[in-house]
Amino acid sequence: MTTRRSFCATAALLSLRPAMLRAQTSSRIDVGATERERTLAEASVALKSTPRTVTAFPAPNAKDPHDFFAEPEAASPAPTFRAHAETLLAASATISVLTAAFVLTKEEQYALKAGSHLYAWFVDPATRLNPIFDTSFGHSTAATAQAPGLIDLVPLAEIARSLPFLVDTAALAPPDLAAARAWFGSFLNWLTTARVAGVARDTKDHTASAWLLLASSCARLLANDAVLTDCRHRLKAPTLRNQVQATGVFHHEVVTEFPYRNSLLNFDLLAGTCELLSTPFLSLWTLELDDGPGFRGVAAFLYPFLKDPARWPYPADASLFREVPRRRSGLLFAGRAFSRPEYVELWRTLPAPAADNPLLASFPIRQPLLWITRPPHTL
């Protein structure tokens, strides 16, 4: 029997449905079309690039030229060694934009060029990077001092995300593709077993988020269900519990020297992790603790300050506050996940960071198309 109350409730829902459908539709823009011009312009430059790995930049006191080495930027008044971190960041940007260009155009020239960089970094015995990073970060031997350096490895996440799109191309011969896959298998093993990596994983700030994004991207690449399941558990507890207040604030980030930059970095790291760990049957975006903390609150808190940094309620970053890239992939992902077209529209209208932006390392996802598109094959 239909009561007056149930009839009115149904009528109200039906009246809202067109608006809800419009919101959902407008939050699902064609990311490929939006990104096409930028991607192809950057890819045309990347086609002219020459692969260079860590072996091209001898680190001070290095025992093995294949080892990654990066000193903290503010370790001392003296110049710091950042060549390996900068080279890995550049390689990730190059490989990912070439892969995105291939996804958009299906032109083999992009896949082939991406393959030449992948071969140099992960296959060629003369130039490949070692997948073990126990002594990679600064001169200290203390694990606690090394842990923050994990953020320098974040560019590997977008490389791992790129690989599945190149499986059925001429980018890498099957044995070389297998070698690249094995490299990421060794790296994932280091992430999940090494003491240095464990220290990073157990921090309460963006370093732990970097571990989650790296582990999730490698596990997704390798179809490692055990690690994916562990990452899903970690995303809720301890990550949400340790990092997010009920107001959506990353309370460990806003007390740092760079509260705005680090908050947006952490937003992107966790947003990318949500995209990787979510399935058609389980959205990690909707995770919320009983007392409030959740990703919906994080996005709602950051949105007005991405729109207008002048409204940022905490101290400005110690330097380059106005130069922080604001076209965050996390904004796009959250807009899609929560059907918030205003998030997506802001992402669309904000300028993408230039290749020479001094804060490019704080922008961990350069090609959102690769994160929201299902690869045609796995490795």
Protein backbone atom coordinates (compact mmCIF):
# COMPACT_ATOMS: atom_id res chain seq x y z
CA MET A 1 0.00 0.00 0.00
CA THR A 2 1.36 3.39 -0.97
CA THR A 3 1.12 5.98 1.77
CA ARG A 4 1.12 9.73 1.24
CA ARG A 5 4.56 9.93 2.87
CA SER A 6 6.11 7.26 0.63
CA PHE A 7 4.46 8.82 -2.44
CA CYS A 8 5.92 12.24 -1.61
CA ALA A 9 9.34 10.79 -0.91
CA THR A 10 9.34 8.95 -4.22
CA ALA A 11 8.20 12.04 -6.08
CA ALA A 12 10.96 14.10 -4.45
CA LEU A 13 13.62 11.57 -5.46
CA LEU A 14 12.31 11.47 -9.03
CA SER A 15 12.41 15.25 -9.21
CA LEU A 16 16.05 15.22 -8.10
CA ARG A 17 17.11 12.47 -10.48
CA PRO A 18 17.68 14.67 -13.59
CA ALA A 19 19.95 16.98 -11.58
CA MET A 20 21.80 14.01 -10.11
CA LEU A 21 22.27 12.52 -13.56
CA ARG A 22 23.49 15.85 -14.93
CA ALA A 23 26.01 16.13 -12.08
CA GLN A 24 27.26 12.60 -12.66
CA THR A 25 27.52 13.17 -16.42
CA SER A 26 29.35 16.49 -16.09
CA SER A 27 31.82 14.96 -13.64
CA ARG A 28 32.68 12.26 -16.22
CA ILE A 29 34.33 14.44 -18.83
CA ASP A 30 36.43 13.02 -21.62
CA VAL A 31 39.84 13.27 -19.99
CA GLY A 32 41.60 12.16 -23.17
CA ALA A 33 40.04 14.99 -25.17
CA THR A 34 40.84 17.50 -22.44
CA GLU A 35 44.45 16.37 -22.17
CA ARG A 36 45.10 15.71 -25.86
CA GLU A 37 46.66 19.03 -26.86
CA ARG A 38 48.94 19.20 -23.85
CA THR A 39 49.92 15.56 -24.07
CA LEU A 40 50.80 15.60 -27.76
CA ALA A 41 52.76 18.85 -27.40
CA GLU A 42 54.85 17.38 -24.58
CA ALA A 43 55.18 14.06 -26.42
CA SER A 44 56.61 15.78 -29.48
CA VAL A 45 59.43 17.07 -27.28
CA ALA A 46 59.84 13.67 -25.61
CA LEU A 47 60.30 12.02 -29.02
CA LYS A 48 63.60 13.89 -29.30
CA SER A 49 64.89 12.83 -25.88
CA THR A 50 67.89 10.58 -25.28
CA PRO A 51 67.62 7.96 -22.52
CA ARG A 52 69.92 8.70 -19.59
CA THR A 53 69.91 6.82 -16.31
CA VAL A 54 71.73 7.08 -13.00
CA THR A 55 74.88 5.63 -14.56
CA ALA A 56 75.34 8.89 -16.47
CA PHE A 57 75.72 10.79 -13.19
CA PRO A 58 78.32 9.24 -10.85
CA ALA A 59 77.27 9.74 -7.25
CA PRO A 60 79.83 10.77 -4.60
CA ASN A 61 81.50 7.78 -2.96
CA ALA A 62 79.35 5.39 -4.99
CA LYS A 63 80.37 1.73 -4.84
CA ASP A 64 78.04 0.74 -7.67
CA PRO A 65 77.17 3.18 -10.50
CA HIS A 66 73.78 1.48 -10.85
CA ASP A 67 72.68 2.44 -7.33
CA PHE A 68 70.26 5.29 -6.80
CA PHE A 69 71.56 8.05 -4.55
CA ALA A 70 69.88 11.29 -3.47
CA GLU A 71 70.67 13.67 -0.66
CA PRO A 72 67.93 15.71 1.00
CA GLU A 73 67.62 19.12 -0.59
CA ALA A 74 68.21 20.94 2.69
CA ALA A 75 70.75 18.57 4.18
CA SER A 76 73.46 21.24 4.53
CA PRO A 77 74.51 24.64 3.23
CA ALA A 78 76.73 22.87 0.72
CA PRO A 79 75.36 21.80 -2.70
CA THR A 80 73.48 18.51 -2.49
CA PHE A 81 73.54 15.63 -4.96
CA ARG A 82 70.13 15.51 -6.64
CA ALA A 83 71.05 14.35 -10.14
CA HIS A 84 69.60 10.85 -9.70
CA ALA A 85 66.29 12.12 -8.33
CA GLU A 86 65.99 14.70 -11.11
CA THR A 87 66.87 12.16 -13.80
CA LEU A 88 64.31 9.65 -12.54
CA LEU A 89 61.65 12.37 -12.43
CA ALA A 90 62.47 13.37 -16.01
CA ALA A 91 62.40 9.75 -17.18
CA SER A 92 59.01 9.17 -15.58
CA ALA A 93 57.59 12.31 -17.20
CA THR A 94 58.99 11.22 -20.57
CA ILE A 95 57.81 7.60 -20.42
CA SER A 96 54.34 8.49 -19.15
CA VAL A 97 53.67 11.25 -21.68
CA LEU A 98 54.83 9.03 -24.55
CA THR A 99 52.57 6.26 -23.27
CA ALA A 100 49.63 8.64 -22.95
CA ALA A 101 50.27 9.88 -26.50
CA PHE A 102 50.23 6.29 -27.71
CA VAL A 103 46.94 5.63 -25.87
CA LEU A 104 45.43 8.69 -27.55
CA THR A 105 46.74 8.12 -31.09
CA LYS A 106 47.83 4.45 -31.32
CA GLU A 107 50.93 5.72 -33.18
CA GLU A 108 53.84 3.29 -32.68
CA GLN A 109 56.45 6.05 -32.68
CA TYR A 110 55.41 6.98 -29.15
CA ALA A 111 55.53 3.41 -27.90
CA LEU A 112 58.92 2.80 -29.48
CA LYS A 113 60.43 5.87 -27.86
CA ALA A 114 58.96 4.97 -24.48
CA GLY A 115 60.46 1.51 -24.94
CA SER A 116 63.94 2.93 -25.47
CA HIS A 117 63.76 4.67 -22.08
CA LEU A 118 62.31 1.60 -20.38
CA TYR A 119 65.06 -0.58 -21.84
CA ALA A 120 67.78 1.77 -20.57
CA TRP A 121 66.36 2.05 -17.05
CA PHE A 122 65.18 -1.49 -16.36
CA VAL A 123 66.75 -3.93 -18.84
CA ASP A 124 70.15 -2.93 -20.28
CA PRO A 125 72.91 -4.36 -18.02
CA ALA A 126 75.11 -1.36 -18.81
CA THR A 127 72.65 1.31 -17.65
CA ARG A 128 69.83 -0.28 -15.65
CA LEU A 129 68.89 0.97 -12.21
CA ASN A 130 69.35 -1.36 -9.26
CA PRO A 131 65.93 -2.25 -7.77
CA ILE A 132 67.32 -2.35 -4.21
CA PHE A 133 67.58 0.99 -2.40
CA ASP A 134 69.00 0.19 1.03
CA THR A 135 71.83 2.74 0.79
CA SER A 136 70.24 5.18 -1.62
CA PHE A 137 69.23 8.18 0.45
CA GLY A 138 71.97 10.45 1.74
CA HIS A 139 75.09 9.40 3.59
CA SER A 140 73.42 8.33 6.82
CA THR A 141 73.19 4.62 7.61
CA ALA A 142 70.31 5.12 10.03
CA ALA A 143 67.02 3.84 8.66
CA THR A 144 65.15 6.71 10.26
CA ALA A 145 67.28 9.20 8.35
CA GLN A 146 66.80 7.35 5.07
CA ALA A 147 63.03 6.98 5.22
CA PRO A 148 62.10 10.46 3.91
CA GLY A 149 64.08 9.74 0.74
CA LEU A 150 61.37 7.35 -0.43
CA ILE A 151 59.54 10.33 -1.90
CA ASP A 152 62.29 10.55 -4.53
CA LEU A 153 61.19 7.14 -5.84
CA VAL A 154 57.55 8.16 -6.42
CA PRO A 155 58.17 8.72 -10.19
CA LEU A 156 58.47 4.93 -10.48
CA ALA A 157 54.72 4.66 -9.79
CA GLU A 158 53.71 6.33 -13.06
CA ILE A 159 56.26 4.24 -14.95
CA ALA A 160 54.69 1.11 -13.49
CA ARG A 161 51.30 2.44 -14.53
CA SER A 162 52.57 3.02 -18.10
CA LEU A 163 53.95 -0.45 -18.75
CA PRO A 164 50.69 -2.39 -19.26
CA PHE A 165 49.63 -0.04 -22.05
CA LEU A 166 52.73 -1.01 -24.04
CA VAL A 167 52.37 -4.80 -23.89
CA ASP A 168 51.12 -5.35 -27.44
CA THR A 169 53.46 -2.81 -29.04
CA ALA A 170 57.00 -2.84 -30.35
CA ALA A 171 58.17 -0.88 -27.30
CA LEU A 172 59.94 -3.88 -25.78
CA ALA A 173 60.63 -7.37 -27.10
CA PRO A 174 58.94 -10.09 -25.00
CA PRO A 175 62.17 -11.01 -23.14
CA ASP A 176 62.81 -7.35 -22.36
CA LEU A 177 59.23 -6.87 -21.20
CA ALA A 178 59.70 -9.85 -18.89
CA ALA A 179 62.94 -8.32 -17.60
CA ALA A 180 61.18 -5.03 -16.86
CA ARG A 181 58.43 -6.90 -15.06
CA ALA A 182 61.03 -8.78 -13.03
CA TRP A 183 62.65 -5.46 -12.08
CA PHE A 184 59.39 -4.20 -10.61
CA GLY A 185 58.96 -7.53 -8.85
CA SER A 186 62.32 -7.07 -7.16
CA PHE A 187 61.47 -3.50 -6.27
CA LEU A 188 58.13 -4.54 -4.77
CA ASN A 189 59.91 -7.19 -2.71
CA TRP A 190 62.27 -4.49 -1.41
CA LEU A 191 59.33 -2.23 -0.58
CA THR A 192 57.60 -4.93 1.43
CA THR A 193 60.59 -6.51 3.19
CA ALA A 194 63.42 -3.98 3.61
CA ARG A 195 63.80 -2.21 6.95
CA VAL A 196 64.33 1.16 5.29
CA ALA A 197 61.10 0.81 3.34
CA GLY A 198 59.27 -0.36 6.45
CA VAL A 199 60.30 2.76 8.32
CA ALA A 200 58.89 4.89 5.50
CA ARG A 201 55.66 2.85 5.41
CA ASP A 202 55.10 3.39 9.14
CA THR A 203 55.46 7.16 9.20
CA LYS A 204 52.38 9.34 9.64
CA ASP A 205 52.75 11.75 6.74
CA HIS A 206 53.19 11.86 2.96
CA THR A 207 56.16 9.48 3.18
CA ALA A 208 53.76 6.68 4.15
CA SER A 209 51.46 7.76 1.31
CA ALA A 210 54.40 7.54 -1.10
CA TRP A 211 54.98 3.96 0.06
CA LEU A 212 51.31 3.15 -0.52
CA LEU A 213 51.29 4.57 -4.05
CA LEU A 214 54.51 2.76 -4.99
CA ALA A 215 53.44 -0.56 -3.50
CA SER A 216 49.96 -0.33 -5.04
CA SER A 217 51.25 0.57 -8.50
CA CYS A 218 53.76 -2.29 -8.52
CA ALA A 219 51.23 -4.75 -7.12
CA ARG A 220 48.66 -3.69 -9.73
CA LEU A 221 51.27 -4.13 -12.47
CA LEU A 222 52.19 -7.60 -11.22
CA ALA A 223 48.63 -8.65 -10.23
CA ASN A 224 49.90 -9.33 -6.71
CA ASP A 225 46.62 -9.74 -4.85
CA ALA A 226 48.26 -10.25 -1.46
CA VAL A 227 50.00 -6.86 -1.56
CA LEU A 228 46.90 -5.17 -2.99
CA THR A 229 44.81 -6.54 -0.13
CA ASP A 230 47.39 -5.38 2.42
CA CYS A 231 47.44 -1.90 0.86
CA ARG A 232 43.64 -1.70 1.05
CA HIS A 233 43.78 -2.46 4.76
CA ARG A 234 46.58 0.05 5.29
CA LEU A 235 44.70 2.78 3.46
CA LYS A 236 41.98 2.70 6.11
CA ALA A 237 44.10 1.88 9.12
CA PRO A 238 46.58 3.24 9.83
CA THR A 239 46.59 5.80 6.98
CA LEU A 240 43.22 7.48 7.50
CA ARG A 241 43.56 7.25 11.26
CA ASN A 242 47.08 8.68 11.33
CA GLN A 243 46.82 11.36 8.68
CA VAL A 244 43.32 12.82 8.35
CA GLN A 245 41.35 14.88 10.84
CA ALA A 246 37.56 14.90 10.79
CA THR A 247 37.77 18.32 9.13
CA GLY A 248 39.70 16.87 6.17
CA VAL A 249 43.01 18.45 7.23
CA PHE A 250 46.28 16.55 6.91
CA HIS A 251 47.42 17.64 10.34
CA HIS A 252 50.99 16.36 9.98
CA GLU A 253 51.44 18.31 6.74
CA VAL A 254 50.14 21.72 7.85
CA VAL A 255 52.81 21.98 10.56
CA THR A 256 55.69 21.48 8.11
CA GLU A 257 57.81 24.12 6.40
CA PHE A 258 55.66 23.66 3.27
CA PRO A 259 52.11 23.09 4.53
CA TYR A 260 50.31 23.89 1.26
CA ARG A 261 52.68 22.03 -1.04
CA ASN A 262 52.81 18.95 1.18
CA SER A 263 49.04 18.85 1.66
CA LEU A 264 48.47 18.85 -2.10
CA LEU A 265 51.24 16.30 -2.63
CA ASN A 266 49.64 14.01 -0.07
CA PHE A 267 46.22 14.52 -1.67
CA ASP A 268 47.55 13.33 -5.04
CA LEU A 269 49.44 10.40 -3.54
CA LEU A 270 46.37 9.09 -1.72
CA ALA A 271 44.05 9.84 -4.63
CA GLY A 272 46.25 7.81 -6.97
CA THR A 273 46.28 5.01 -4.42
CA CYS A 274 42.47 5.05 -4.22
CA GLU A 275 42.26 4.76 -8.01
CA LEU A 276 44.64 1.79 -8.05
CA LEU A 277 43.04 -0.08 -5.18
CA SER A 278 39.39 0.47 -6.04
CA THR A 279 37.52 -2.20 -7.99
CA PRO A 280 34.14 -2.24 -9.77
CA PHE A 281 32.75 -3.77 -6.56
CA LEU A 282 34.65 -1.74 -3.95
CA SER A 283 35.39 1.98 -3.98
CA LEU A 284 38.14 3.02 -1.61
CA TRP A 285 37.08 6.63 -2.04
CA THR A 286 34.14 6.15 0.29
CA LEU A 287 36.23 4.96 3.22
CA GLU A 288 35.37 6.86 6.38
CA LEU A 289 36.16 6.21 10.02
CA ASP A 290 33.37 6.24 12.60
CA ASP A 291 34.46 9.64 13.93
CA GLY A 292 34.55 11.31 10.54
CA PRO A 293 37.92 11.20 8.73
CA GLY A 294 37.60 10.27 5.06
CA PHE A 295 38.67 11.25 1.57
CA ARG A 296 35.41 13.07 0.87
CA GLY A 297 36.31 15.47 3.66
CA VAL A 298 39.85 15.91 2.37
CA ALA A 299 38.61 16.90 -1.10
CA ALA A 300 36.00 19.26 0.35
CA PHE A 301 38.59 20.94 2.56
CA LEU A 302 41.17 21.45 -0.21
CA TYR A 303 38.85 22.48 -3.04
CA PRO A 304 38.44 26.18 -2.09
CA PHE A 305 42.19 26.56 -1.57
CA LEU A 306 42.97 25.00 -4.91
CA LYS A 307 40.57 27.52 -6.39
CA ASP A 308 42.11 30.43 -4.49
CA PRO A 309 45.39 29.88 -2.60
CA ALA A 310 44.99 33.29 -0.94
CA ARG A 311 42.31 31.72 1.26
CA TRP A 312 44.74 29.11 2.65
CA PRO A 313 44.16 29.27 6.45
CA TYR A 314 47.59 28.01 7.50
CA PRO A 315 50.99 29.67 7.08
CA ALA A 316 52.18 30.02 3.51
CA ASP A 317 54.99 27.77 2.34
CA ALA A 318 58.46 28.98 3.22
CA SER A 319 59.22 29.42 -0.48
CA LEU A 320 57.54 29.23 -3.89
CA PHE A 321 54.03 29.30 -2.42
CA ARG A 322 52.56 30.82 -5.58
CA GLU A 323 54.41 28.36 -7.81
CA VAL A 324 52.79 25.22 -6.36
CA PRO A 325 51.01 23.37 -9.23
CA ARG A 326 47.26 23.44 -8.59
CA ARG A 327 45.91 21.27 -11.43
CA ARG A 328 45.95 18.24 -9.18
CA SER A 329 44.97 14.83 -10.47
CA GLY A 330 43.46 14.21 -7.04
CA LEU A 331 40.91 16.92 -7.81
CA LEU A 332 39.90 15.17 -11.02
CA PHE A 333 39.76 11.73 -9.39
CA ALA A 334 37.72 13.00 -6.45
CA GLY A 335 35.32 14.82 -8.75
CA ARG A 336 34.69 11.60 -10.65
CA ALA A 337 34.42 9.47 -7.52
CA PHE A 338 31.99 11.77 -5.69
CA SER A 339 30.13 13.13 -8.77
CA ARG A 340 31.28 16.66 -8.03
CA PRO A 341 31.42 18.50 -11.37
CA GLU A 342 32.85 21.63 -9.75
CA TYR A 343 35.99 19.67 -8.83
CA VAL A 344 36.36 18.39 -12.38
CA GLU A 345 35.72 21.82 -13.88
CA LEU A 346 38.34 23.42 -11.66
CA TRP A 347 40.84 20.73 -12.65
CA ARG A 348 40.03 21.35 -16.31
CA THR A 349 40.46 25.11 -16.13
CA LEU A 350 43.62 25.28 -14.02
CA PRO A 351 46.86 25.31 -16.04
CA ALA A 352 48.98 22.19 -16.03
CA PRO A 353 52.47 22.76 -14.58
CA ALA A 354 55.16 23.58 -17.09
CA ALA A 355 57.99 21.11 -17.59
CA ASP A 356 60.39 23.58 -15.96
CA ASN A 357 58.24 24.19 -12.87
CA PRO A 358 60.65 24.02 -9.90
CA LEU A 359 58.10 22.07 -7.87
CA LEU A 360 57.37 19.36 -10.42
CA ALA A 361 58.45 16.70 -7.93
CA SER A 362 55.46 17.70 -5.76
CA PHE A 363 53.17 16.73 -8.65
CA PRO A 364 53.33 12.90 -8.58
CA ILE A 365 50.75 12.12 -11.28
CA ARG A 366 51.43 13.82 -14.61
CA GLN A 367 49.18 11.73 -16.88
CA PRO A 368 45.79 11.13 -15.21
CA LEU A 369 44.54 9.44 -18.38
CA LEU A 370 46.72 6.43 -17.56
CA TRP A 371 45.21 6.16 -14.09
CA ILE A 372 41.55 6.21 -15.08
CA THR A 373 41.90 4.04 -18.21
CA ARG A 374 41.92 0.27 -18.00
CA PRO A 375 45.00 -1.16 -19.76
CA PRO A 376 44.13 -3.61 -22.55
CA HIS A 377 46.43 -6.25 -21.04
CA THR A 378 48.38 -7.08 -17.93
CA LEU A 379 51.95 -8.27 -17.76
